N, C-alpha and C. Protein backbone atom coordinates (compact mmCIF):
# COMPACT_ATOMS: atom_id res chain seq x y z
N UNK A 1 111.69 146.16 129.50
CA UNK A 1 112.75 146.26 128.53
C UNK A 1 112.98 147.54 128.29
N UNK A 2 114.09 147.87 128.63
CA UNK A 2 114.88 149.53 128.21
C UNK A 2 114.63 149.86 126.96
N UNK A 3 114.41 151.25 126.80
CA UNK A 3 114.40 151.77 125.65
C UNK A 3 115.20 151.35 124.32
N UNK A 4 116.47 151.33 124.72
CA UNK A 4 117.66 150.84 123.94
C UNK A 4 117.17 149.40 123.31
N UNK A 5 116.93 148.46 124.23
CA UNK A 5 116.71 147.11 124.04
C UNK A 5 115.48 147.13 123.22
N UNK A 6 114.71 148.08 123.56
CA UNK A 6 113.43 148.05 122.31
C UNK A 6 113.41 148.76 121.25
N UNK A 7 114.38 149.20 121.01
CA UNK A 7 114.85 149.94 119.71
C UNK A 7 115.74 148.86 118.81
N UNK A 8 116.62 148.00 119.51
CA UNK A 8 117.07 147.00 119.10
C UNK A 8 116.68 146.15 118.52
N UNK A 9 115.62 145.58 119.37
CA UNK A 9 114.65 144.42 119.08
C UNK A 9 113.92 144.82 117.81
N UNK A 10 113.09 146.21 117.80
CA UNK A 10 112.43 146.70 116.53
C UNK A 10 113.27 146.58 115.31
N UNK A 11 114.60 146.70 115.44
CA UNK A 11 115.21 146.86 114.25
C UNK A 11 115.59 145.40 113.62
N UNK A 12 115.90 144.40 114.52
CA UNK A 12 116.15 142.95 114.31
C UNK A 12 114.65 142.60 113.63
N UNK A 13 113.47 142.49 114.20
CA UNK A 13 112.24 142.40 113.76
C UNK A 13 111.86 143.02 112.62
N UNK A 14 112.47 144.34 112.02
CA UNK A 14 111.90 144.74 110.98
C UNK A 14 112.74 144.47 109.79
N UNK A 15 113.82 144.01 110.18
CA UNK A 15 115.04 143.74 109.28
C UNK A 15 114.96 142.76 108.87
N UNK A 16 114.51 141.37 109.98
CA UNK A 16 114.76 139.85 109.54
C UNK A 16 114.06 139.52 108.33
N UNK A 17 112.94 140.05 108.08
CA UNK A 17 112.41 139.57 106.60
C UNK A 17 113.42 139.98 105.47
N UNK A 18 113.87 141.01 105.51
CA UNK A 18 114.54 141.31 104.58
C UNK A 18 116.03 140.65 104.25
N UNK A 19 116.80 140.43 105.50
CA UNK A 19 117.75 139.51 105.31
C UNK A 19 117.41 138.19 104.67
N UNK A 20 116.29 137.54 105.23
CA UNK A 20 115.99 136.49 104.51
C UNK A 20 115.63 136.27 103.27
N UNK A 21 115.09 137.25 102.73
CA UNK A 21 114.61 137.28 101.44
C UNK A 21 115.62 137.88 100.65
N UNK A 22 116.41 138.78 100.74
CA UNK A 22 117.48 139.37 99.70
C UNK A 22 119.11 138.55 100.32
N UNK A 23 119.08 138.13 101.26
CA UNK A 23 120.45 137.56 101.79
C UNK A 23 121.08 138.60 102.86
N UNK A 24 122.08 138.10 103.32
CA UNK A 24 122.93 138.67 104.56
C UNK A 24 123.61 139.84 103.71
N UNK A 25 124.32 139.28 102.33
CA UNK A 25 125.49 139.98 102.21
C UNK A 25 124.50 141.16 101.19
N UNK A 26 123.49 140.87 100.47
CA UNK A 26 122.80 141.77 99.45
C UNK A 26 121.90 142.81 99.99
N UNK A 27 121.42 142.65 101.30
CA UNK A 27 120.81 143.77 102.13
C UNK A 27 121.67 144.81 102.29
N UNK A 28 121.41 145.72 102.10
CA UNK A 28 122.15 147.08 102.10
C UNK A 28 121.57 148.02 103.48
N UNK A 29 122.38 148.86 103.57
CA UNK A 29 122.02 149.89 104.67
C UNK A 29 120.89 150.84 104.44
N UNK A 30 120.65 151.07 103.16
CA UNK A 30 119.33 151.68 102.69
C UNK A 30 117.79 151.03 102.87
N UNK A 31 118.64 149.48 102.54
CA UNK A 31 117.20 148.36 103.16
C UNK A 31 116.72 148.72 104.30
N UNK A 32 117.89 148.54 105.44
CA UNK A 32 117.55 148.56 106.95
C UNK A 32 116.95 149.76 107.13
N UNK A 33 117.58 150.94 106.60
CA UNK A 33 116.94 152.27 107.14
C UNK A 33 115.59 152.47 106.69
N UNK A 34 115.23 151.81 105.58
CA UNK A 34 114.05 152.24 104.93
C UNK A 34 112.83 151.00 105.74
N UNK A 35 113.41 149.95 105.87
CA UNK A 35 112.53 149.22 106.73
C UNK A 35 112.22 149.63 108.22
N UNK A 36 113.04 150.14 108.67
CA UNK A 36 113.18 151.03 109.85
C UNK A 36 112.62 152.23 110.16
N UNK A 37 112.64 153.10 108.85
CA UNK A 37 112.41 154.39 109.30
C UNK A 37 113.38 154.97 109.93
N UNK A 38 114.70 154.37 110.28
CA UNK A 38 115.43 154.88 111.29
C UNK A 38 116.58 155.67 110.35
N UNK A 39 117.42 156.21 111.00
CA UNK A 39 118.50 156.94 110.36
C UNK A 39 119.81 155.90 110.53
N UNK A 40 120.75 156.11 109.52
CA UNK A 40 121.97 155.43 109.90
C UNK A 40 122.90 155.38 111.12
N UNK A 41 122.82 156.82 111.62
CA UNK A 41 123.30 156.78 112.84
C UNK A 41 122.58 156.05 113.91
N UNK A 42 121.21 155.85 113.82
CA UNK A 42 120.40 155.29 114.98
C UNK A 42 120.78 153.68 114.74
N UNK A 43 121.02 153.27 113.69
CA UNK A 43 121.13 151.94 113.23
C UNK A 43 122.63 151.32 113.88
N UNK A 44 123.61 152.34 113.44
CA UNK A 44 124.91 152.11 114.02
C UNK A 44 125.02 152.77 115.48
N UNK A 45 124.45 153.02 116.17
CA UNK A 45 124.07 153.25 117.72
C UNK A 45 123.55 152.18 118.17
N UNK A 46 122.94 151.40 117.41
CA UNK A 46 122.35 149.92 118.40
C UNK A 46 123.44 148.78 117.92
N UNK A 47 124.26 148.84 116.64
CA UNK A 47 124.74 147.83 116.12
C UNK A 47 126.01 148.23 115.89
N UNK A 48 127.36 147.40 115.95
CA UNK A 48 128.53 147.91 115.76
C UNK A 48 128.48 147.98 114.29
N UNK A 49 128.21 146.97 113.49
CA UNK A 49 128.33 147.08 112.09
C UNK A 49 127.00 146.12 111.39
N UNK A 50 126.81 146.20 110.15
CA UNK A 50 125.79 145.14 109.45
C UNK A 50 126.05 143.81 109.80
N UNK A 51 127.41 143.40 109.83
CA UNK A 51 127.54 141.95 110.40
C UNK A 51 126.93 141.71 111.74
N UNK A 52 127.23 142.52 112.78
CA UNK A 52 126.65 142.68 114.05
C UNK A 52 125.02 142.36 113.87
N UNK A 53 124.54 143.38 113.22
CA UNK A 53 122.89 143.07 112.85
C UNK A 53 122.60 142.01 112.39
N UNK A 54 123.66 141.55 111.40
CA UNK A 54 123.08 140.09 110.83
C UNK A 54 123.26 138.74 111.81
N UNK A 55 124.00 138.99 112.73
CA UNK A 55 124.08 137.77 113.77
C UNK A 55 122.95 137.99 114.53
N UNK A 56 122.51 139.01 114.90
CA UNK A 56 121.48 139.18 115.81
C UNK A 56 120.29 138.99 114.91
N UNK A 57 120.17 139.22 113.83
CA UNK A 57 118.91 138.60 113.06
C UNK A 57 118.86 137.28 113.18
N UNK A 58 119.90 136.72 112.51
CA UNK A 58 120.03 135.28 112.67
C UNK A 58 119.63 134.40 114.00
N UNK A 59 120.06 134.94 114.60
CA UNK A 59 119.73 134.41 116.33
C UNK A 59 118.34 134.68 116.70
N UNK A 60 117.89 135.62 116.18
CA UNK A 60 116.34 135.81 116.22
C UNK A 60 115.58 134.85 115.67
N UNK A 61 116.08 134.93 114.33
CA UNK A 61 115.17 133.93 113.55
C UNK A 61 115.56 132.45 113.61
N UNK A 62 116.63 132.00 114.08
CA UNK A 62 116.76 130.61 114.64
C UNK A 62 116.20 130.56 115.76
N UNK A 63 116.07 131.34 116.79
CA UNK A 63 115.38 131.04 118.06
C UNK A 63 113.87 130.81 117.77
N UNK A 64 113.20 131.86 116.77
CA UNK A 64 111.88 132.00 116.59
C UNK A 64 111.45 130.46 116.16
N UNK A 65 111.97 129.72 115.37
CA UNK A 65 111.99 128.42 115.03
C UNK A 65 111.99 127.34 115.96
N UNK A 66 113.12 127.44 116.74
CA UNK A 66 113.19 126.58 117.70
C UNK A 66 112.13 126.52 118.92
N UNK A 67 111.68 128.06 119.05
CA UNK A 67 110.68 127.90 120.16
C UNK A 67 109.47 127.55 119.58
N UNK A 68 109.03 127.64 118.46
CA UNK A 68 107.70 127.16 117.68
C UNK A 68 107.97 125.64 117.74
N UNK A 69 109.25 125.27 117.31
CA UNK A 69 109.30 124.07 117.73
C UNK A 69 108.88 123.14 119.05
N UNK A 70 109.51 123.72 120.05
CA UNK A 70 109.32 123.41 120.92
C UNK A 70 108.00 123.42 121.69
N UNK A 71 107.19 124.58 121.29
CA UNK A 71 106.23 124.81 121.69
C UNK A 71 105.08 123.55 121.20
N UNK A 72 105.51 123.17 119.83
CA UNK A 72 104.50 121.88 119.47
C UNK A 72 105.19 120.71 120.22
N UNK A 73 106.15 120.44 120.39
CA UNK A 73 106.82 118.94 120.84
C UNK A 73 106.23 118.90 122.47
N UNK A 74 106.24 120.22 123.05
CA UNK A 74 105.74 120.28 124.53
C UNK A 74 104.45 119.75 124.79
N UNK A 75 103.38 119.84 123.72
CA UNK A 75 102.22 119.38 123.83
C UNK A 75 102.00 117.94 123.87
N UNK A 76 103.47 117.18 123.48
CA UNK A 76 103.05 115.72 123.69
C UNK A 76 103.90 115.02 124.56
N UNK A 77 103.55 113.67 124.82
CA UNK A 77 104.35 112.69 125.80
C UNK A 77 105.08 111.70 125.18
N UNK A 78 104.51 110.88 124.19
CA UNK A 78 105.20 109.89 123.70
C UNK A 78 106.26 110.49 122.54
N UNK A 79 107.39 109.57 122.24
CA UNK A 79 108.19 109.93 121.31
C UNK A 79 107.61 109.96 119.97
N UNK A 80 106.91 109.13 119.63
CA UNK A 80 106.10 109.09 118.23
C UNK A 80 105.37 110.30 118.29
N UNK A 81 104.71 110.73 118.78
CA UNK A 81 103.85 112.11 118.95
C UNK A 81 104.59 113.17 118.82
N UNK A 82 105.69 113.19 119.53
CA UNK A 82 107.01 114.25 119.27
C UNK A 82 107.38 114.30 118.00
N UNK A 83 107.80 113.15 117.71
CA UNK A 83 108.57 113.04 116.16
C UNK A 83 107.52 113.45 115.13
N UNK A 84 106.30 112.98 115.25
CA UNK A 84 105.43 113.62 114.22
C UNK A 84 104.96 115.08 114.47
N UNK A 85 104.94 115.63 115.73
CA UNK A 85 104.92 116.75 115.78
C UNK A 85 106.10 118.10 115.09
N UNK A 86 106.98 117.21 115.50
CA UNK A 86 108.03 117.83 114.50
C UNK A 86 107.84 118.15 113.15
N UNK A 87 107.66 117.37 112.70
CA UNK A 87 107.18 117.26 111.19
C UNK A 87 106.12 118.30 110.89
N UNK A 88 105.18 118.23 111.68
CA UNK A 88 103.84 118.88 111.62
C UNK A 88 103.98 120.23 111.47
N UNK A 89 104.82 120.46 112.40
CA UNK A 89 105.49 121.87 112.64
C UNK A 89 105.68 122.72 111.25
N UNK A 90 106.42 122.00 110.28
CA UNK A 90 106.87 122.44 108.97
C UNK A 90 105.82 122.62 108.09
N UNK A 91 104.89 121.64 108.32
CA UNK A 91 103.73 121.55 107.73
C UNK A 91 102.64 122.60 107.91
N UNK A 92 102.55 122.79 109.32
CA UNK A 92 101.50 123.83 109.56
C UNK A 92 101.96 125.21 109.30
N UNK A 93 103.46 125.52 109.52
CA UNK A 93 104.11 126.67 109.25
C UNK A 93 104.58 127.23 107.78
N UNK A 94 104.35 126.37 106.78
CA UNK A 94 104.95 126.35 105.47
C UNK A 94 104.62 127.69 105.23
N UNK A 95 103.48 127.99 104.86
CA UNK A 95 102.96 129.45 104.40
C UNK A 95 103.83 130.85 104.84
N UNK A 96 103.86 130.57 106.25
CA UNK A 96 104.60 131.64 106.88
C UNK A 96 106.39 131.53 106.44
N UNK A 97 106.55 130.45 106.33
CA UNK A 97 108.06 130.46 106.13
C UNK A 97 108.30 130.86 104.79
N UNK A 98 107.33 130.37 103.91
CA UNK A 98 107.56 130.79 102.49
C UNK A 98 107.56 132.32 102.10
N UNK A 99 106.35 132.61 102.80
CA UNK A 99 106.25 134.13 102.59
C UNK A 99 107.22 134.84 103.25
N UNK A 100 108.15 134.46 104.00
CA UNK A 100 109.19 135.34 104.80
C UNK A 100 110.45 135.16 103.87
N UNK A 101 110.65 134.25 102.95
CA UNK A 101 111.61 133.90 102.18
C UNK A 101 112.39 132.53 102.12
N UNK A 102 111.57 131.93 102.89
CA UNK A 102 112.03 130.33 103.10
C UNK A 102 112.61 130.30 104.43
N UNK A 103 113.22 128.62 104.49
CA UNK A 103 113.84 128.39 105.94
C UNK A 103 115.28 129.19 106.05
N UNK A 104 114.82 130.22 107.15
CA UNK A 104 116.40 131.12 107.56
C UNK A 104 117.39 130.27 107.73
N UNK A 105 117.45 128.96 108.30
CA UNK A 105 118.39 128.26 108.68
C UNK A 105 119.14 127.80 107.25
N UNK A 106 118.47 127.23 106.20
CA UNK A 106 119.00 126.91 104.97
C UNK A 106 119.53 128.38 104.41
N UNK A 107 118.68 129.22 104.15
CA UNK A 107 119.39 130.50 103.73
C UNK A 107 120.60 130.99 104.11
N UNK A 108 120.47 130.81 105.55
CA UNK A 108 121.83 131.62 106.03
C UNK A 108 123.04 130.54 106.15
N UNK A 109 122.73 129.20 105.83
CA UNK A 109 123.63 128.10 105.72
C UNK A 109 124.33 128.35 104.11
N UNK A 110 123.60 128.46 103.22
CA UNK A 110 124.06 128.58 101.92
C UNK A 110 124.50 129.85 101.71
N UNK A 111 124.80 130.88 102.16
CA UNK A 111 125.43 132.06 102.28
C UNK A 111 126.50 131.98 102.99
N UNK A 112 126.21 131.60 104.22
CA UNK A 112 127.37 131.49 105.56
C UNK A 112 128.48 130.68 104.68
N UNK A 113 128.07 129.56 103.92
CA UNK A 113 129.25 128.54 103.63
C UNK A 113 129.97 129.15 102.33
N UNK A 114 129.57 129.89 101.66
CA UNK A 114 130.30 130.51 100.61
C UNK A 114 131.12 132.17 100.62
N UNK A 115 130.22 132.90 101.46
CA UNK A 115 130.59 133.98 101.72
C UNK A 115 130.52 135.03 103.05
N UNK A 116 129.79 134.38 104.12
CA UNK A 116 129.87 135.16 105.29
C UNK A 116 130.42 134.21 106.52
N UNK A 117 131.55 133.99 106.61
CA UNK A 117 132.40 133.08 107.47
C UNK A 117 132.02 133.71 108.84
N UNK A 118 131.59 135.04 109.00
CA UNK A 118 131.13 135.39 110.46
C UNK A 118 129.95 134.56 111.06
N UNK A 119 129.23 134.31 110.19
CA UNK A 119 127.84 133.74 110.57
C UNK A 119 128.01 131.92 110.49
N UNK A 120 129.13 131.37 109.97
CA UNK A 120 129.09 129.96 109.78
C UNK A 120 129.16 129.13 111.09
N UNK A 121 129.63 129.75 112.11
CA UNK A 121 129.46 129.13 113.55
C UNK A 121 128.23 129.19 114.37
N UNK A 122 127.47 130.22 114.18
CA UNK A 122 126.03 130.31 114.39
C UNK A 122 125.24 129.21 113.82
N UNK A 123 125.49 129.30 112.50
CA UNK A 123 124.42 128.52 111.47
C UNK A 123 124.89 126.84 111.89
N UNK A 124 126.30 126.63 112.07
CA UNK A 124 126.51 125.16 112.06
C UNK A 124 126.07 124.73 113.73
N UNK A 125 125.99 125.83 114.46
CA UNK A 125 125.36 125.41 115.92
C UNK A 125 123.88 125.10 115.75
N UNK A 126 123.05 125.74 114.87
CA UNK A 126 121.67 125.68 114.93
C UNK A 126 121.58 124.52 114.37
N UNK A 127 122.17 124.02 113.37
CA UNK A 127 122.06 122.85 112.74
C UNK A 127 122.47 121.57 113.78
N UNK A 128 123.46 122.00 114.41
CA UNK A 128 124.01 120.68 115.32
C UNK A 128 122.60 120.55 116.56
N UNK A 129 122.41 121.52 116.89
CA UNK A 129 121.13 121.38 117.90
C UNK A 129 119.90 120.72 117.29
N UNK A 130 119.59 121.25 116.02
CA UNK A 130 118.24 120.65 115.26
C UNK A 130 118.54 119.34 115.56
N UNK A 131 119.89 118.77 114.82
CA UNK A 131 120.37 117.12 114.79
C UNK A 131 120.29 116.70 116.16
N UNK A 132 120.78 117.22 116.83
CA UNK A 132 120.33 116.62 118.54
C UNK A 132 118.99 116.39 119.14
N UNK A 133 118.20 117.59 118.60
CA UNK A 133 116.75 117.42 119.05
C UNK A 133 116.38 116.28 118.83
N UNK A 134 116.34 116.02 117.41
CA UNK A 134 116.16 114.78 116.69
C UNK A 134 116.55 113.26 117.42
N UNK A 135 117.71 113.27 117.52
CA UNK A 135 118.40 112.33 117.73
C UNK A 135 117.78 111.72 119.45
N UNK A 136 117.64 113.14 120.12
CA UNK A 136 117.09 112.78 121.46
C UNK A 136 115.60 112.25 121.36
N UNK A 137 114.73 112.83 120.43
CA UNK A 137 113.50 112.16 120.25
C UNK A 137 113.67 110.34 120.01
N UNK A 138 114.34 110.38 118.93
CA UNK A 138 114.53 108.90 118.56
C UNK A 138 115.18 107.88 119.48
N UNK A 139 115.77 108.37 120.29
CA UNK A 139 116.79 107.67 121.63
C UNK A 139 115.57 107.50 122.68
N UNK A 140 114.64 108.79 122.94
CA UNK A 140 113.66 108.35 123.81
C UNK A 140 112.71 107.29 123.40
N UNK A 141 112.48 107.19 122.14
CA UNK A 141 111.48 106.15 121.73
C UNK A 141 112.02 104.61 121.54
N UNK A 142 113.61 104.85 121.67
CA UNK A 142 113.90 103.63 121.51
C UNK A 142 114.07 103.14 122.98
N UNK A 143 114.37 103.80 124.00
CA UNK A 143 114.26 103.57 125.47
C UNK A 143 113.05 103.23 126.09
N UNK A 144 111.83 103.88 125.43
CA UNK A 144 110.63 103.40 125.93
C UNK A 144 110.10 102.52 125.16
N UNK A 145 110.56 101.77 124.30
CA UNK A 145 110.02 100.64 123.45
C UNK A 145 109.01 101.07 122.42
N UNK A 146 108.94 102.27 121.92
CA UNK A 146 108.31 102.82 121.15
C UNK A 146 108.82 102.49 119.61
N UNK A 147 110.31 102.43 119.66
CA UNK A 147 110.97 102.47 118.17
C UNK A 147 112.14 101.03 118.52
N UNK A 148 112.08 100.77 117.39
CA UNK A 148 113.32 99.49 117.28
C UNK A 148 114.49 99.96 117.83
N UNK A 149 115.31 99.01 118.36
CA UNK A 149 116.32 99.16 119.56
C UNK A 149 117.61 99.59 118.22
N UNK A 150 117.43 98.64 117.05
CA UNK A 150 118.88 98.61 116.09
C UNK A 150 119.01 100.06 115.02
N UNK A 151 117.90 100.80 115.21
CA UNK A 151 118.34 102.05 114.72
C UNK A 151 119.42 102.80 114.64
N UNK A 152 119.75 103.77 113.89
CA UNK A 152 120.54 104.69 114.24
C UNK A 152 120.01 106.33 114.20
N UNK A 153 119.69 106.57 115.30
CA UNK A 153 119.23 107.96 115.67
C UNK A 153 119.92 108.96 114.57
N UNK A 154 120.94 108.91 114.66
CA UNK A 154 121.99 109.91 113.92
C UNK A 154 121.55 109.88 112.46
N UNK A 155 121.41 108.64 112.07
CA UNK A 155 121.24 108.34 110.91
C UNK A 155 119.91 108.92 110.22
N UNK A 156 118.98 108.56 110.82
CA UNK A 156 117.38 109.07 110.57
C UNK A 156 117.43 110.60 110.89
N UNK A 157 117.85 111.02 112.14
CA UNK A 157 118.02 112.61 112.40
C UNK A 157 118.51 113.64 110.97
N UNK A 158 119.52 113.12 110.26
CA UNK A 158 120.48 113.86 109.37
C UNK A 158 119.40 113.40 108.04
N UNK A 159 118.78 112.45 107.97
CA UNK A 159 117.81 112.10 106.81
C UNK A 159 116.60 112.94 106.81
N UNK A 160 116.04 113.04 108.04
CA UNK A 160 115.07 113.72 108.34
C UNK A 160 115.19 115.29 108.33
N UNK A 161 116.36 115.70 108.48
CA UNK A 161 116.72 117.01 108.38
C UNK A 161 116.81 117.57 106.82
N UNK A 162 117.44 116.48 106.15
CA UNK A 162 117.69 117.08 104.39
C UNK A 162 116.36 117.18 103.69
N UNK A 163 115.28 115.78 104.10
CA UNK A 163 113.76 115.68 103.59
C UNK A 163 113.38 116.99 104.01
N UNK A 164 113.18 117.44 105.14
CA UNK A 164 112.68 118.67 105.51
C UNK A 164 113.15 120.07 104.56
N UNK A 165 114.07 120.30 104.94
CA UNK A 165 114.90 121.37 104.37
C UNK A 165 114.65 121.38 102.59
N UNK A 166 114.95 119.88 101.87
CA UNK A 166 114.66 119.91 100.57
C UNK A 166 113.02 119.97 100.13
N UNK A 167 112.24 119.59 100.87
CA UNK A 167 110.82 119.65 100.96
C UNK A 167 110.47 121.25 100.70
N UNK A 168 110.80 121.98 101.69
CA UNK A 168 110.71 123.30 101.92
C UNK A 168 111.40 124.25 100.67
N UNK A 169 112.53 123.81 100.09
CA UNK A 169 113.09 124.20 98.99
C UNK A 169 112.03 123.97 97.58
N UNK A 170 111.48 122.56 97.61
CA UNK A 170 110.75 122.41 96.74
C UNK A 170 109.40 122.68 96.40
N UNK A 171 108.79 123.00 97.44
CA UNK A 171 107.49 123.68 97.91
C UNK A 171 107.92 125.09 97.67
N UNK A 172 108.73 125.84 98.07
CA UNK A 172 108.93 127.12 97.91
C UNK A 172 109.13 127.43 96.18
N UNK A 173 110.28 126.79 95.86
CA UNK A 173 110.17 127.27 94.30
C UNK A 173 109.40 126.75 93.24
N UNK A 174 108.47 125.84 93.65
CA UNK A 174 107.42 125.56 92.66
C UNK A 174 106.10 126.15 93.09
N UNK A 175 106.06 126.69 94.32
CA UNK A 175 105.01 127.50 94.54
C UNK A 175 103.77 126.60 95.16
N UNK A 176 103.75 125.28 95.33
CA UNK A 176 102.91 124.47 95.85
C UNK A 176 103.32 123.65 96.86
N UNK A 177 102.56 124.12 98.08
CA UNK A 177 102.79 123.89 99.58
C UNK A 177 102.66 122.21 99.44
N UNK A 178 101.95 121.45 98.61
CA UNK A 178 101.71 120.40 98.48
C UNK A 178 103.01 119.23 98.34
N UNK A 179 104.05 119.94 97.61
CA UNK A 179 105.17 119.29 97.61
C UNK A 179 105.91 118.98 98.97
N UNK A 180 106.01 119.85 99.82
CA UNK A 180 106.21 119.64 101.16
C UNK A 180 105.33 118.71 101.99
N UNK A 181 104.11 118.78 101.61
CA UNK A 181 103.34 118.09 102.53
C UNK A 181 103.42 116.46 102.01
N UNK A 182 104.06 116.21 100.68
CA UNK A 182 104.19 114.93 100.17
C UNK A 182 105.52 114.26 100.85
N UNK A 183 106.41 115.10 100.79
CA UNK A 183 107.69 114.70 101.82
C UNK A 183 107.37 114.58 103.23
N UNK A 184 106.64 115.45 103.83
CA UNK A 184 106.52 115.08 105.24
C UNK A 184 105.64 113.75 105.44
N UNK A 185 104.68 113.69 104.66
CA UNK A 185 103.80 112.54 104.40
C UNK A 185 104.81 110.98 104.47
N UNK A 186 105.73 111.22 103.61
CA UNK A 186 106.71 109.96 103.03
C UNK A 186 107.51 109.61 104.40
N UNK A 187 107.75 111.06 105.15
CA UNK A 187 108.60 110.71 106.51
C UNK A 187 108.12 109.93 107.54
N UNK A 188 106.55 110.29 107.44
CA UNK A 188 105.78 109.28 108.58
C UNK A 188 105.58 108.23 108.00
N UNK A 189 105.62 107.80 106.86
CA UNK A 189 105.37 106.30 106.33
C UNK A 189 106.81 105.73 106.82
N UNK A 190 107.81 106.39 106.46
CA UNK A 190 109.21 105.92 107.01
C UNK A 190 109.15 105.76 108.61
N UNK A 191 108.92 106.32 109.11
CA UNK A 191 108.71 106.11 110.52
C UNK A 191 107.94 104.71 110.69
N UNK A 192 107.06 104.62 110.24
CA UNK A 192 105.91 103.87 110.60
C UNK A 192 106.57 102.27 109.95
N UNK A 193 107.31 102.34 108.87
CA UNK A 193 108.14 101.44 108.05
C UNK A 193 109.19 101.05 108.83
N UNK A 194 110.29 101.78 109.02
CA UNK A 194 111.55 101.48 109.33
C UNK A 194 111.93 101.73 111.05
N UNK A 195 111.12 102.72 111.74
CA UNK A 195 111.42 103.16 113.17
C UNK A 195 110.39 102.41 114.15
N UNK A 196 109.49 102.63 114.00
CA UNK A 196 108.31 102.27 115.05
C UNK A 196 108.03 100.92 115.09
N UNK A 197 107.95 100.22 115.93
CA UNK A 197 107.71 98.83 116.42
C UNK A 197 106.17 98.53 116.34
C-alpha cells in the first residue's frame, strides 16, 4: 500500500467511530483532526471534503460488517446453519457494535434519510445487499429441501432485518445485551416454527 493510501486508510479507521457515535452531520473537522493528529490541510489533501470522507468511512464500516458476516457464513454448508450463523454474528459482535456507537448501517440510514442525501444511495445499496443475502440463503434452503417451499423469502428477509436492527437498538439504549439475545433467539424459534421442514 502506497504512503498516500496508508494515510487515507488511517484517517478512515481513526474517524469511523466518531462518525458513527456523533453522526455524519455533527462530526466536525476539529473532531477529525483531533482523532487523527493530522492538520486540516492533510485531511483535505486526502479527501475532497468532509462528505467525501464520510462516504469513505461509511463504505469502510459497511464492508467491515459484510466481511464479518461472510466469514461467519463461509464456515457452514447448509442453509439453516448459514441463517443461524447470520443471526449469531450480531449476538457475538454486539459488544463491539455497541461500543462503536451502534449499528453503522442503521445510524447512517437514519441520518441519510433526513439530512444527508449524498449518503442515501450507498446506504440503500447496503440494505439491498443485506436483504438479498438473506433471500439467497432462504432460497437455497427451499431448493435443498431444508425449508418449506411456500415461504416468502423476501418477507422473512425483511422481517429478520427489522428484528436485528430493532434488537440492536433496544439492547444499546437499555444497556442490556440480553435484549438482542431475546430477539435473536425468537428469530431462531420463528425459523423452526415457520420456515424449517
